[in-house]
Amino acid sequence: MNRFQKALSLFVTFFKIGAFTFGGGYAMIPLIQKEIVENKKWITDDDILEIIAIAESTPGPIAINSATFVGYRVCGVLGSAFATFGVVLPSFVIILLISHILRQFQEIQAVQYAFNGIRAGVLALLIKALYTMYKKAPKGLWAYIVMAGAFAVTAFTNVNVLFVIIGCAFFGLITSFITKRRASK
């Protein structure tokens, strides 16, 4: 498969992910993992964990960042562009169409019930993504302390998430440095 064919395959894959996922980027994580790691075998589970961590910590929507990073890892800049365009295009078209139609139907009870059902499904996808990432993440006392602390700070205060991520990164660097230093003694 040449580079253009691989980039086109990235476009089609991310187009499908973008077209059939409700709930934003976090809801897409399990689908990205299933398609890219399990079905296509373009990258490994460890790679997807790193990509999601980077995508969460960089500015912009996580789905677009993930597509960009996966595309780059699989096929360089061309793959990055194709994967990003693939994940964005369905949302753009759907929002364009729905914005014209929804105003006419937003008061219909069946439409409101449908969106309630979609929200419940999105919550299930988010919990699945959390569970998958938890299984793959390193575990230990310090990891649980960082996880609990980061959750508490983001859930119960108005601290910017960027500062929480930076704080977690520094904590990880410090504990890694201390651990390596102790191991060398």
C-alpha atoms as a PDB file:
ATOM      1  CA  MET A   1       0.000   0.000   0.000  1.00  0.00           C
ATOM      2  CA  ASN A   2       1.551   3.322  -1.061  1.00  0.00           C
ATOM      3  CA  ARG A   3       1.449   6.512   1.035  1.00  0.00           C
ATOM      4  CA  PHE A   4      -1.549   8.007  -0.760  1.00  0.00           C
ATOM      5  CA  GLN A   5      -3.572   4.795  -0.395  1.00  0.00           C
ATOM      6  CA  LYS A   6      -2.693   4.604   3.298  1.00  0.00           C
ATOM      7  CA  ALA A   7      -3.641   8.269   3.748  1.00  0.00           C
ATOM      8  CA  LEU A   8      -6.922   7.628   1.932  1.00  0.00           C
ATOM      9  CA  SER A   9      -7.551   4.645   4.203  1.00  0.00           C
ATOM     10  CA  LEU A  10      -6.928   6.923   7.200  1.00  0.00           C
ATOM     11  CA  PHE A  11      -9.448   9.405   5.786  1.00  0.00           C
ATOM     12  CA  VAL A  12     -12.125   6.714   5.326  1.00  0.00           C
ATOM     13  CA  THR A  13     -11.494   5.232   8.778  1.00  0.00           C
ATOM     14  CA  PHE A  14     -11.694   8.571  10.568  1.00  0.00           C
ATOM     15  CA  PHE A  15     -14.635   9.655   8.423  1.00  0.00           C
ATOM     16  CA  LYS A  16     -16.552   6.594   9.688  1.00  0.00           C
ATOM     17  CA  ILE A  17     -15.515   7.320  13.268  1.00  0.00           C
ATOM     18  CA  GLY A  18     -16.560  10.955  12.921  1.00  0.00           C
ATOM     19  CA  ALA A  19     -19.844  10.102  11.220  1.00  0.00           C
ATOM     20  CA  PHE A  20     -21.056   7.479  13.676  1.00  0.00           C
ATOM     21  CA  THR A  21     -19.986   8.889  17.042  1.00  0.00           C
ATOM     22  CA  PHE A  22     -22.140  11.143  19.191  1.00  0.00           C
ATOM     23  CA  GLY A  23     -20.825  12.958  22.223  1.00  0.00           C
ATOM     24  CA  GLY A  24     -17.534  14.432  21.117  1.00  0.00           C
ATOM     25  CA  GLY A  25     -13.941  13.325  21.317  1.00  0.00           C
ATOM     26  CA  TYR A  26     -14.051  11.299  24.516  1.00  0.00           C
ATOM     27  CA  ALA A  27     -16.845   9.183  23.097  1.00  0.00           C
ATOM     28  CA  MET A  28     -14.656   8.545  20.043  1.00  0.00           C
ATOM     29  CA  ILE A  29     -11.725   7.124  22.024  1.00  0.00           C
ATOM     30  CA  PRO A  30     -13.073   3.550  22.227  1.00  0.00           C
ATOM     31  CA  LEU A  31     -13.927   3.625  18.512  1.00  0.00           C
ATOM     32  CA  ILE A  32     -10.504   4.979  17.581  1.00  0.00           C
ATOM     33  CA  GLN A  33      -8.868   2.295  19.713  1.00  0.00           C
ATOM     34  CA  LYS A  34     -10.996  -0.476  18.172  1.00  0.00           C
ATOM     35  CA  GLU A  35     -10.467   0.629  14.556  1.00  0.00           C
ATOM     36  CA  ILE A  36      -6.845   1.771  14.678  1.00  0.00           C
ATOM     37  CA  VAL A  37      -5.369  -0.741  17.135  1.00  0.00           C
ATOM     38  CA  GLU A  38      -7.537  -3.852  16.900  1.00  0.00           C
ATOM     39  CA  ASN A  39      -8.899  -3.814  13.338  1.00  0.00           C
ATOM     40  CA  LYS A  40      -6.218  -1.993  11.313  1.00  0.00           C
ATOM     41  CA  LYS A  41      -3.272  -2.779  13.630  1.00  0.00           C
ATOM     42  CA  TRP A  42      -1.608   0.491  12.617  1.00  0.00           C
ATOM     43  CA  ILE A  43      -0.447   1.226  16.168  1.00  0.00           C
ATOM     44  CA  THR A  44      -0.348  -0.548  19.541  1.00  0.00           C
ATOM     45  CA  ASP A  45      -2.406  -0.084  22.710  1.00  0.00           C
ATOM     46  CA  ASP A  46       0.565   1.656  24.309  1.00  0.00           C
ATOM     47  CA  ASP A  47       0.782   4.033  21.340  1.00  0.00           C
ATOM     48  CA  ILE A  48      -2.908   4.923  21.603  1.00  0.00           C
ATOM     49  CA  LEU A  49      -2.494   5.659  25.323  1.00  0.00           C
ATOM     50  CA  GLU A  50       0.378   8.039  24.546  1.00  0.00           C
ATOM     51  CA  ILE A  51      -1.544   9.651  21.686  1.00  0.00           C
ATOM     52  CA  ILE A  52      -4.632  10.210  23.857  1.00  0.00           C
ATOM     53  CA  ALA A  53      -2.479  11.685  26.641  1.00  0.00           C
ATOM     54  CA  ILE A  54      -0.845  14.079  24.160  1.00  0.00           C
ATOM     55  CA  ALA A  55      -4.186  14.889  22.497  1.00  0.00           C
ATOM     56  CA  GLU A  56      -5.701  15.749  25.889  1.00  0.00           C
ATOM     57  CA  SER A  57      -2.846  18.027  26.824  1.00  0.00           C
ATOM     58  CA  THR A  58      -2.655  19.995  23.579  1.00  0.00           C
ATOM     59  CA  PRO A  59      -5.073  22.771  22.642  1.00  0.00           C
ATOM     60  CA  GLY A  60      -8.069  21.786  20.552  1.00  0.00           C
ATOM     61  CA  PRO A  61     -10.679  19.054  20.469  1.00  0.00           C
ATOM     62  CA  ILE A  62      -9.399  15.631  21.514  1.00  0.00           C
ATOM     63  CA  ALA A  63     -10.925  13.851  18.492  1.00  0.00           C
ATOM     64  CA  ILE A  64      -9.171  16.139  16.045  1.00  0.00           C
ATOM     65  CA  ASN A  65      -5.888  15.999  17.963  1.00  0.00           C
ATOM     66  CA  SER A  66      -6.097  12.191  18.160  1.00  0.00           C
ATOM     67  CA  ALA A  67      -6.789  11.890  14.447  1.00  0.00           C
ATOM     68  CA  THR A  68      -3.901  14.229  13.679  1.00  0.00           C
ATOM     69  CA  PHE A  69      -1.441  12.310  15.863  1.00  0.00           C
ATOM     70  CA  VAL A  70      -2.579   8.876  14.649  1.00  0.00           C
ATOM     71  CA  GLY A  71      -2.420  10.042  11.036  1.00  0.00           C
ATOM     72  CA  TYR A  72       1.078  11.379  11.556  1.00  0.00           C
ATOM     73  CA  ARG A  73       2.240   8.199  13.294  1.00  0.00           C
ATOM     74  CA  VAL A  74       0.824   6.018  10.501  1.00  0.00           C
ATOM     75  CA  CYS A  75       1.612   8.074   7.390  1.00  0.00           C
ATOM     76  CA  GLY A  76       3.416  11.303   8.226  1.00  0.00           C
ATOM     77  CA  VAL A  77       2.110  14.756   7.367  1.00  0.00           C
ATOM     78  CA  LEU A  78      -0.115  13.463   4.536  1.00  0.00           C
ATOM     79  CA  GLY A  79      -1.757  10.942   6.867  1.00  0.00           C
ATOM     80  CA  SER A  80      -2.161  13.616   9.496  1.00  0.00           C
ATOM     81  CA  ALA A  81      -4.013  15.897   7.081  1.00  0.00           C
ATOM     82  CA  PHE A  82      -6.228  13.112   5.707  1.00  0.00           C
ATOM     83  CA  ALA A  83      -7.141  11.713   9.145  1.00  0.00           C
ATOM     84  CA  THR A  84      -7.929  15.182  10.501  1.00  0.00           C
ATOM     85  CA  PHE A  85     -10.078  16.094   7.511  1.00  0.00           C
ATOM     86  CA  GLY A  86     -11.812  12.716   7.741  1.00  0.00           C
ATOM     87  CA  VAL A  87     -12.828  13.157  11.372  1.00  0.00           C
ATOM     88  CA  VAL A  88     -13.949  16.790  10.910  1.00  0.00           C
ATOM     89  CA  LEU A  89     -15.939  16.504   7.684  1.00  0.00           C
ATOM     90  CA  PRO A  90     -18.912  14.454   8.971  1.00  0.00           C
ATOM     91  CA  SER A  91     -19.484  16.760  11.944  1.00  0.00           C
ATOM     92  CA  PHE A  92     -19.276  19.819   9.760  1.00  0.00           C
ATOM     93  CA  VAL A  93     -21.822  18.469   7.261  1.00  0.00           C
ATOM     94  CA  ILE A  94     -24.148  17.118   9.954  1.00  0.00           C
ATOM     95  CA  ILE A  95     -24.121  20.340  11.972  1.00  0.00           C
ATOM     96  CA  LEU A  96     -24.734  22.351   8.838  1.00  0.00           C
ATOM     97  CA  LEU A  97     -27.785  20.233   7.985  1.00  0.00           C
ATOM     98  CA  ILE A  98     -29.140  19.915  11.512  1.00  0.00           C
ATOM     99  CA  SER A  99     -28.869  23.623  12.252  1.00  0.00           C
ATOM    100  CA  HIS A 100     -31.372  24.302   9.475  1.00  0.00           C
ATOM    101  CA  ILE A 101     -33.735  21.482  10.439  1.00  0.00           C
ATOM    102  CA  LEU A 102     -33.582  21.349  14.239  1.00  0.00           C
ATOM    103  CA  ARG A 103     -35.258  24.672  14.859  1.00  0.00           C
ATOM    104  CA  GLN A 104     -38.417  23.319  13.271  1.00  0.00           C
ATOM    105  CA  PHE A 105     -38.463  20.112  15.343  1.00  0.00           C
ATOM    106  CA  GLN A 106     -36.899  20.974  18.705  1.00  0.00           C
ATOM    107  CA  GLU A 107     -40.236  21.178  20.514  1.00  0.00           C
ATOM    108  CA  ILE A 108     -41.397  17.701  19.429  1.00  0.00           C
ATOM    109  CA  GLN A 109     -41.416  15.324  22.396  1.00  0.00           C
ATOM    110  CA  ALA A 110     -39.986  12.368  20.403  1.00  0.00           C
ATOM    111  CA  VAL A 111     -36.958  14.464  19.380  1.00  0.00           C
ATOM    112  CA  GLN A 112     -36.330  15.410  23.015  1.00  0.00           C
ATOM    113  CA  TYR A 113     -36.559  11.737  24.066  1.00  0.00           C
ATOM    114  CA  ALA A 114     -34.164  10.722  21.294  1.00  0.00           C
ATOM    115  CA  PHE A 115     -31.560  13.212  22.521  1.00  0.00           C
ATOM    116  CA  ASN A 116     -31.992  11.945  26.094  1.00  0.00           C
ATOM    117  CA  GLY A 117     -31.251   8.429  24.822  1.00  0.00           C
ATOM    118  CA  ILE A 118     -28.214   9.659  22.904  1.00  0.00           C
ATOM    119  CA  ARG A 119     -26.879  11.350  26.059  1.00  0.00           C
ATOM    120  CA  ALA A 120     -27.197   8.076  27.993  1.00  0.00           C
ATOM    121  CA  GLY A 121     -25.297   6.237  25.250  1.00  0.00           C
ATOM    122  CA  VAL A 122     -22.553   8.862  25.249  1.00  0.00           C
ATOM    123  CA  LEU A 123     -22.161   8.481  29.007  1.00  0.00           C
ATOM    124  CA  ALA A 124     -21.678   4.731  28.544  1.00  0.00           C
ATOM    125  CA  LEU A 125     -18.977   5.372  25.913  1.00  0.00           C
ATOM    126  CA  LEU A 126     -17.184   7.793  28.245  1.00  0.00           C
ATOM    127  CA  ILE A 127     -17.209   5.236  31.059  1.00  0.00           C
ATOM    128  CA  LYS A 128     -15.866   2.598  28.643  1.00  0.00           C
ATOM    129  CA  ALA A 129     -13.020   4.945  27.619  1.00  0.00           C
ATOM    130  CA  LEU A 130     -12.228   5.631  31.279  1.00  0.00           C
ATOM    131  CA  TYR A 131     -12.164   1.907  32.054  1.00  0.00           C
ATOM    132  CA  THR A 132      -9.929   1.106  29.062  1.00  0.00           C
ATOM    133  CA  MET A 133      -7.458   3.848  29.942  1.00  0.00           C
ATOM    134  CA  TYR A 134      -7.470   2.786  33.604  1.00  0.00           C
ATOM    135  CA  LYS A 135      -6.580  -0.798  32.683  1.00  0.00           C
ATOM    136  CA  LYS A 136      -3.593   0.360  30.623  1.00  0.00           C
ATOM    137  CA  ALA A 137      -2.326   3.082  32.964  1.00  0.00           C
ATOM    138  CA  PRO A 138       0.474   2.384  35.428  1.00  0.00           C
ATOM    139  CA  LYS A 139      -0.831   1.698  38.924  1.00  0.00           C
ATOM    140  CA  GLY A 140       0.628   2.324  42.335  1.00  0.00           C
ATOM    141  CA  LEU A 141       0.174   4.517  45.366  1.00  0.00           C
ATOM    142  CA  TRP A 142       1.481   7.665  43.664  1.00  0.00           C
ATOM    143  CA  ALA A 143      -0.622   7.095  40.552  1.00  0.00           C
ATOM    144  CA  TYR A 144      -3.767   6.792  42.685  1.00  0.00           C
ATOM    145  CA  ILE A 145      -2.850   9.914  44.663  1.00  0.00           C
ATOM    146  CA  VAL A 146      -2.325  11.911  41.452  1.00  0.00           C
ATOM    147  CA  MET A 147      -5.553  10.547  39.944  1.00  0.00           C
ATOM    148  CA  ALA A 148      -7.618  11.369  43.049  1.00  0.00           C
ATOM    149  CA  GLY A 149      -6.018  14.781  43.427  1.00  0.00           C
ATOM    150  CA  ALA A 150      -6.488  15.712  39.773  1.00  0.00           C
ATOM    151  CA  PHE A 151     -10.118  14.570  39.899  1.00  0.00           C
ATOM    152  CA  ALA A 152     -10.821  16.528  43.084  1.00  0.00           C
ATOM    153  CA  VAL A 153      -9.202  19.700  41.771  1.00  0.00           C
ATOM    154  CA  THR A 154     -10.993  19.576  38.388  1.00  0.00           C
ATOM    155  CA  ALA A 155     -14.370  18.472  39.777  1.00  0.00           C
ATOM    156  CA  PHE A 156     -14.649  20.712  42.831  1.00  0.00           C
ATOM    157  CA  THR A 157     -12.657  23.857  42.046  1.00  0.00           C
ATOM    158  CA  ASN A 158     -12.410  26.373  39.247  1.00  0.00           C
ATOM    159  CA  VAL A 159      -8.735  25.616  38.593  1.00  0.00           C
ATOM    160  CA  ASN A 160      -7.952  25.539  34.884  1.00  0.00           C
ATOM    161  CA  VAL A 161      -7.445  21.987  33.612  1.00  0.00           C
ATOM    162  CA  LEU A 162      -4.207  23.058  31.917  1.00  0.00           C
ATOM    163  CA  PHE A 163      -2.672  23.785  35.321  1.00  0.00           C
ATOM    164  CA  VAL A 164      -3.811  20.386  36.596  1.00  0.00           C
ATOM    165  CA  ILE A 165      -2.158  18.641  33.624  1.00  0.00           C
ATOM    166  CA  ILE A 166       1.056  20.620  34.101  1.00  0.00           C
ATOM    167  CA  GLY A 167       1.009  19.818  37.823  1.00  0.00           C
ATOM    168  CA  CYS A 168       0.510  16.105  37.120  1.00  0.00           C
ATOM    169  CA  ALA A 169       3.367  16.164  34.615  1.00  0.00           C
ATOM    170  CA  PHE A 170       5.705  17.787  37.149  1.00  0.00           C
ATOM    171  CA  PHE A 171       4.626  15.311  39.807  1.00  0.00           C
ATOM    172  CA  GLY A 172       5.325  12.439  37.390  1.00  0.00           C
ATOM    173  CA  LEU A 173       8.773  13.834  36.563  1.00  0.00           C
ATOM    174  CA  ILE A 174       9.654  14.312  40.230  1.00  0.00           C
ATOM    175  CA  THR A 175       8.494  10.830  41.309  1.00  0.00           C
ATOM    176  CA  SER A 176      10.258   9.263  38.311  1.00  0.00           C
ATOM    177  CA  PHE A 177      13.464  11.102  39.185  1.00  0.00           C
ATOM    178  CA  ILE A 178      13.250  10.027  42.839  1.00  0.00           C
ATOM    179  CA  THR A 179      12.484   6.416  41.887  1.00  0.00           C
ATOM    180  CA  LYS A 180      15.427   6.217  39.471  1.00  0.00           C
ATOM    181  CA  ARG A 181      17.712   7.844  41.998  1.00  0.00           C
ATOM    182  CA  ARG A 182      16.744   5.329  44.679  1.00  0.00           C
ATOM    183  CA  ALA A 183      17.205   2.431  42.248  1.00  0.00           C
ATOM    184  CA  SER A 184      20.741   3.557  41.393  1.00  0.00           C
ATOM    185  CA  LYS A 185      21.833   3.604  45.072  1.00  0.00           C
END
